[in-house]
Every structure is written in C-alpha cells, then in structure tokens.
C-alpha cells in the first residue's frame, strides 16, 4: 500500500504501466529486426526477448535501433526521420517498427490495465495531478485508443522530447520537464515505470518515490536500477477493504 496523498503529483510511463502496449511494441520490434536479420548474408539469429529488455525497452525509438545494431555488430547509417519505412538506415528501421505498431493498434485497439485505472481514479479523488512521460512518439494515439486522453492531458513523449531537445531515458530530462509543467518539486513527486531505463531516469532526477511495475523486466533489475518499490500491478498499491466490510 502507498499513501498517494503524500505526493503533489504522479508521473506515469505509458507502455507497460497504463496500457499493455509494451507487448505490441515488442512484437513490432521483433518483426522488424527479424526482417533485417534474415536479409543479411549470412542471416543472423532471430531477435530475442532479452535484447528487447536490455537494448530497447523504455528508450527512444532510434536509440533502441542503434543499441541493437551495435550489439549485433551491424552497420547502418543514421538516415533521416522523414525516410519511408525500410531496412537500410537507423531511421528507416525505426519507422518500419512504428508502421508495424500503428497497424496493430488501429486494428485491435488497446484497453488500459484495470489496476492502473483504479490508481488514476484514486488520484482524482485526492485532486492529485498526473502526467504521462513516454519515450514513444505514439503516446497520443495510444492514450486516445485506451480512452485515457482526456484524463491525462499533460504528456511529455518522444515528440515533445524531439522538439525541445530533451535527452531520452535513462536521462532524467523528460521526467523533470513533466514535473516543471505540473509546477511540482521532483522530491514531492512519484514516478511509476516498468523499464529499467525509466526507473534509472527517475532515480537520477531525484524523485521522491520510484515505483517499478514488473511486467517482465524483473523485480531485482528494477530495484538495482533505482526502484524503491516493485509491484506486479498498481492495484497492489491501494488500501484493501477489511474482509468484514465486504
């Protein structure tokens, strides 16, 4: 249980914290990289879940591409963000992943985690503001698809980071920008993250509480990178009714 009323604001990561879009992202990354690896001579082994967690999860898209290419010793020029999706440059690869993600999101939609919605409801009753801090450039579309856009109008995402030249996670810049937008002190602000890069960013920013949500990164890894508390679902942070009151 967490005393949410001890904080002036709460900053939420999106994918894997508010919505299960991390699963869609991971499938899109795997599909894109497997296309690339199969095209090489000789072909390389398929993309692994561990690579997603170490090199991609929580990072800006092109940073994730560069990290995997570097680990696999694959050389590709940077290219330009305006490039069409493809396999020839870092930007083209990132855009290919984004196109795959957008196709699945439009086709299947997304539902938020019930436990996360319960925490948002609780914060609303306490009149505690919340914001979304996400490396993804798809955050507005995901929030709209999940029915959360009106509830979370303050968003610092990959688009904002690019416009304002904010360093991506694990740097704390995006979280600090969100706190500044809400007019709150980081030391009086809680951060909720599911990625090791995200908890590391929050810890580096001096935030009052860093909550890790273990959707696969591992409780130990989240703690080692800066999480004060690790839960499997945000519903665990809410006070439960005594059995006799039900």
Foldseek 3Di string as FASTA:
>chain_A
DAPVLLFQAEEEAPDPAFWVLVVLLVVLLQVLVQVLQVPDVVRDDGDDPVLCQPQNPQWAQLSSLVSVCVVVVHDAAADDCVDDQDRRHSNNSSNSSVVSSVVCCVVPFIETDPLSVVVLVVCVVSVRYYEYEGQDPCVCVNCVSHVNCVSHVHYQYVVNCVVVVFHGFVAQRSVVVSCVVVPHDQLRYEYEEAGLRPQLNSVNSNHNAYEHADPPSDPVSNVVSHHPYYHPHNNVNDDDDDPVVD
